[in-house]
Amino acid sequence: MLRNAKIIAFLATTNAKRCRKFYETVLGLPLVSDDKFALAFDCKGTQLRIQKIEKFSPHPFTSLGWHVPNIRNQVVKLTKAGVTFETYPFLVQNELNIWQAPSGAQVAWFKDPDGNLLSITQWD
């Protein structure tokens, strides 16, 4: 029934001002709306709604990710913009904290100001 419907991605924030600055300025996502319920950003045609809530405990797993054509370039650009990439002792990561999955995909993780775990992935 939903195979032709566009998906909407959802996250949460307890500090909309800080969150908006991160997604709009650091990640470069265009803001679509900012109302009393949520921030909405355009992610290349997919809407990302970040709900404004009072209490939040982030999940320990990836909540949202982006497919990128060149992960090394993206990691360098995001690092220069102030993003810190996660290091996991149970994974073999390179000097940029990029992990190569058994499939050949390369993945790097970082957190937003609310602790939502985000990722970028390059498939060769």
Foldseek 3Di string as FASTA:
>chain_A
DCPPPADAAEAEDQDVVQQCCCCCPLVNWAWDDDDPFWTWTQDPNHIYTYGHDNDDDADPDAREEEEDADVVVVLVSSVVSPWDWDADPVFDADPSRWGQDPQRKIKIWTAGPRGRIYMYIYDD
